[in-house]
Structure formats: C-alpha cells, structure tokens
C-alpha cells in the first residue's frame, strides 16, 4: 500500500486527490477481479481484503480533496 510520503509525492507531481482516489478505486477493482479468479479460498480472501484497503484509501483521498483549499 502507498505511504503518506508516496501520496504527497503524487500530489506534488500534479495529481489531485480525485485522480488519486480514482487510481485507488482502479486498484480495488483489480483486486476484486483477481479474487474472482483465485485458485484458493485464502487467496480470494487476501485479494478481497486488499480491495477493501484500497477502497478505504480512495475514500480518505476523497475526504482530503473535499477539505483542500482551492
């Protein structure tokens, strides 16, 4: 998972919180796709857990974007 440091670098490179949120949502979708294709229940559970973590980061980025000054 990305750290706050890498998120700051992304923002410094011109990414807005919305772009970051959208990217995190894409990562979550990919984890869910991999979960559907998982060969074992454990692998499926891990991928679903990762998807939830990416969703949480997307929501956090949305909240931070809503509180950022224009």
C-alpha atoms as a PDB file:
ATOM      1  CA  UNK A   1       0.000   0.000   0.000  1.00  0.00           C
ATOM      2  CA  UNK A   2       1.194   3.510  -0.667  1.00  0.00           C
ATOM      3  CA  UNK A   3       2.511   5.521   2.218  1.00  0.00           C
ATOM      4  CA  UNK A   4       1.596   9.094   3.054  1.00  0.00           C
ATOM      5  CA  UNK A   5       5.007  10.025   1.641  1.00  0.00           C
ATOM      6  CA  UNK A   6       4.221   8.496  -1.754  1.00  0.00           C
ATOM      7  CA  UNK A   7       0.777  10.146  -1.729  1.00  0.00           C
ATOM      8  CA  UNK A   8       2.403  13.531  -1.100  1.00  0.00           C
ATOM      9  CA  UNK A   9       4.806  12.863  -3.972  1.00  0.00           C
ATOM     10  CA  UNK A  10       1.858  12.076  -6.242  1.00  0.00           C
ATOM     11  CA  UNK A  11       0.171  15.339  -5.261  1.00  0.00           C
ATOM     12  CA  UNK A  12       3.418  17.235  -5.753  1.00  0.00           C
ATOM     13  CA  UNK A  13       3.710  15.691  -9.210  1.00  0.00           C
ATOM     14  CA  UNK A  14       0.367  17.224 -10.189  1.00  0.00           C
ATOM     15  CA  UNK A  15      -2.091  14.525  -9.177  1.00  0.00           C
ATOM     16  CA  UNK A  16      -5.206  15.804  -7.485  1.00  0.00           C
ATOM     17  CA  UNK A  17      -6.947  13.898  -4.697  1.00  0.00           C
ATOM     18  CA  UNK A  18      -9.651  12.995  -7.221  1.00  0.00           C
ATOM     19  CA  UNK A  19      -7.119  11.443  -9.594  1.00  0.00           C
ATOM     20  CA  UNK A  20      -5.522   9.611  -6.672  1.00  0.00           C
ATOM     21  CA  UNK A  21      -8.926   8.387  -5.491  1.00  0.00           C
ATOM     22  CA  UNK A  22      -9.775   7.158  -8.980  1.00  0.00           C
ATOM     23  CA  UNK A  23      -6.456   5.329  -9.199  1.00  0.00           C
ATOM     24  CA  UNK A  24      -7.078   3.672  -5.816  1.00  0.00           C
ATOM     25  CA  UNK A  25     -10.547   2.620  -6.995  1.00  0.00           C
ATOM     26  CA  UNK A  26      -8.973   1.008 -10.069  1.00  0.00           C
ATOM     27  CA  UNK A  27      -6.568  -0.897  -7.805  1.00  0.00           C
ATOM     28  CA  UNK A  28      -9.541  -2.117  -5.730  1.00  0.00           C
ATOM     29  CA  UNK A  29     -11.343  -3.273  -8.874  1.00  0.00           C
ATOM     30  CA  UNK A  30      -8.256  -5.185  -9.995  1.00  0.00           C
ATOM     31  CA  UNK A  31      -8.011  -6.878  -6.593  1.00  0.00           C
ATOM     32  CA  UNK A  32     -11.657  -7.918  -6.879  1.00  0.00           C
ATOM     33  CA  UNK A  33     -11.021  -9.309 -10.362  1.00  0.00           C
ATOM     34  CA  UNK A  34      -8.083 -11.315  -9.020  1.00  0.00           C
ATOM     35  CA  UNK A  35     -10.255 -12.525  -6.127  1.00  0.00           C
ATOM     36  CA  UNK A  36     -12.817 -13.881  -8.599  1.00  0.00           C
ATOM     37  CA  UNK A  37     -10.044 -15.774 -10.393  1.00  0.00           C
ATOM     38  CA  UNK A  38      -8.353 -17.031  -7.215  1.00  0.00           C
ATOM     39  CA  UNK A  39      -7.498 -20.721  -7.075  1.00  0.00           C
ATOM     40  CA  UNK A  40      -7.774 -20.946  -3.289  1.00  0.00           C
ATOM     41  CA  UNK A  41     -10.137 -19.524  -0.700  1.00  0.00           C
ATOM     42  CA  UNK A  42      -7.182 -17.974   1.154  1.00  0.00           C
ATOM     43  CA  UNK A  43      -6.021 -16.143  -1.977  1.00  0.00           C
ATOM     44  CA  UNK A  44      -9.571 -14.898  -2.581  1.00  0.00           C
ATOM     45  CA  UNK A  45      -9.794 -13.605   0.996  1.00  0.00           C
ATOM     46  CA  UNK A  46      -6.451 -11.808   0.723  1.00  0.00           C
ATOM     47  CA  UNK A  47      -7.433 -10.109  -2.528  1.00  0.00           C
ATOM     48  CA  UNK A  48     -10.800  -9.019  -1.095  1.00  0.00           C
ATOM     49  CA  UNK A  49      -9.015  -7.625   1.964  1.00  0.00           C
ATOM     50  CA  UNK A  50      -6.669  -5.691  -0.304  1.00  0.00           C
ATOM     51  CA  UNK A  51      -9.649  -4.344  -2.262  1.00  0.00           C
ATOM     52  CA  UNK A  52     -11.217  -3.073   0.973  1.00  0.00           C
ATOM     53  CA  UNK A  53      -7.928  -1.382   1.909  1.00  0.00           C
ATOM     54  CA  UNK A  54      -7.749   0.374  -1.492  1.00  0.00           C
ATOM     55  CA  UNK A  55     -11.399   1.438  -1.106  1.00  0.00           C
ATOM     56  CA  UNK A  56     -10.538   2.952   2.268  1.00  0.00           C
ATOM     57  CA  UNK A  57      -7.640   4.878   0.757  1.00  0.00           C
ATOM     58  CA  UNK A  58      -9.897   6.140  -2.044  1.00  0.00           C
ATOM     59  CA  UNK A  59     -12.433   7.410   0.496  1.00  0.00           C
ATOM     60  CA  UNK A  60      -9.671   9.054   2.506  1.00  0.00           C
ATOM     61  CA  UNK A  61      -8.345  10.769  -0.622  1.00  0.00           C
ATOM     62  CA  UNK A  62     -11.878  11.971  -1.398  1.00  0.00           C
ATOM     63  CA  UNK A  63     -12.228  13.416   2.111  1.00  0.00           C
ATOM     64  CA  UNK A  64      -8.826  15.113   1.885  1.00  0.00           C
ATOM     65  CA  UNK A  65      -9.747  16.537  -1.502  1.00  0.00           C
ATOM     66  CA  UNK A  66     -13.011  17.897  -0.131  1.00  0.00           C
ATOM     67  CA  UNK A  67     -11.110  19.693   2.650  1.00  0.00           C
ATOM     68  CA  UNK A  68      -8.297  21.021   0.461  1.00  0.00           C
ATOM     69  CA  UNK A  69      -8.286  24.705  -0.230  1.00  0.00           C
ATOM     70  CA  UNK A  70      -8.783  25.732  -3.869  1.00  0.00           C
END
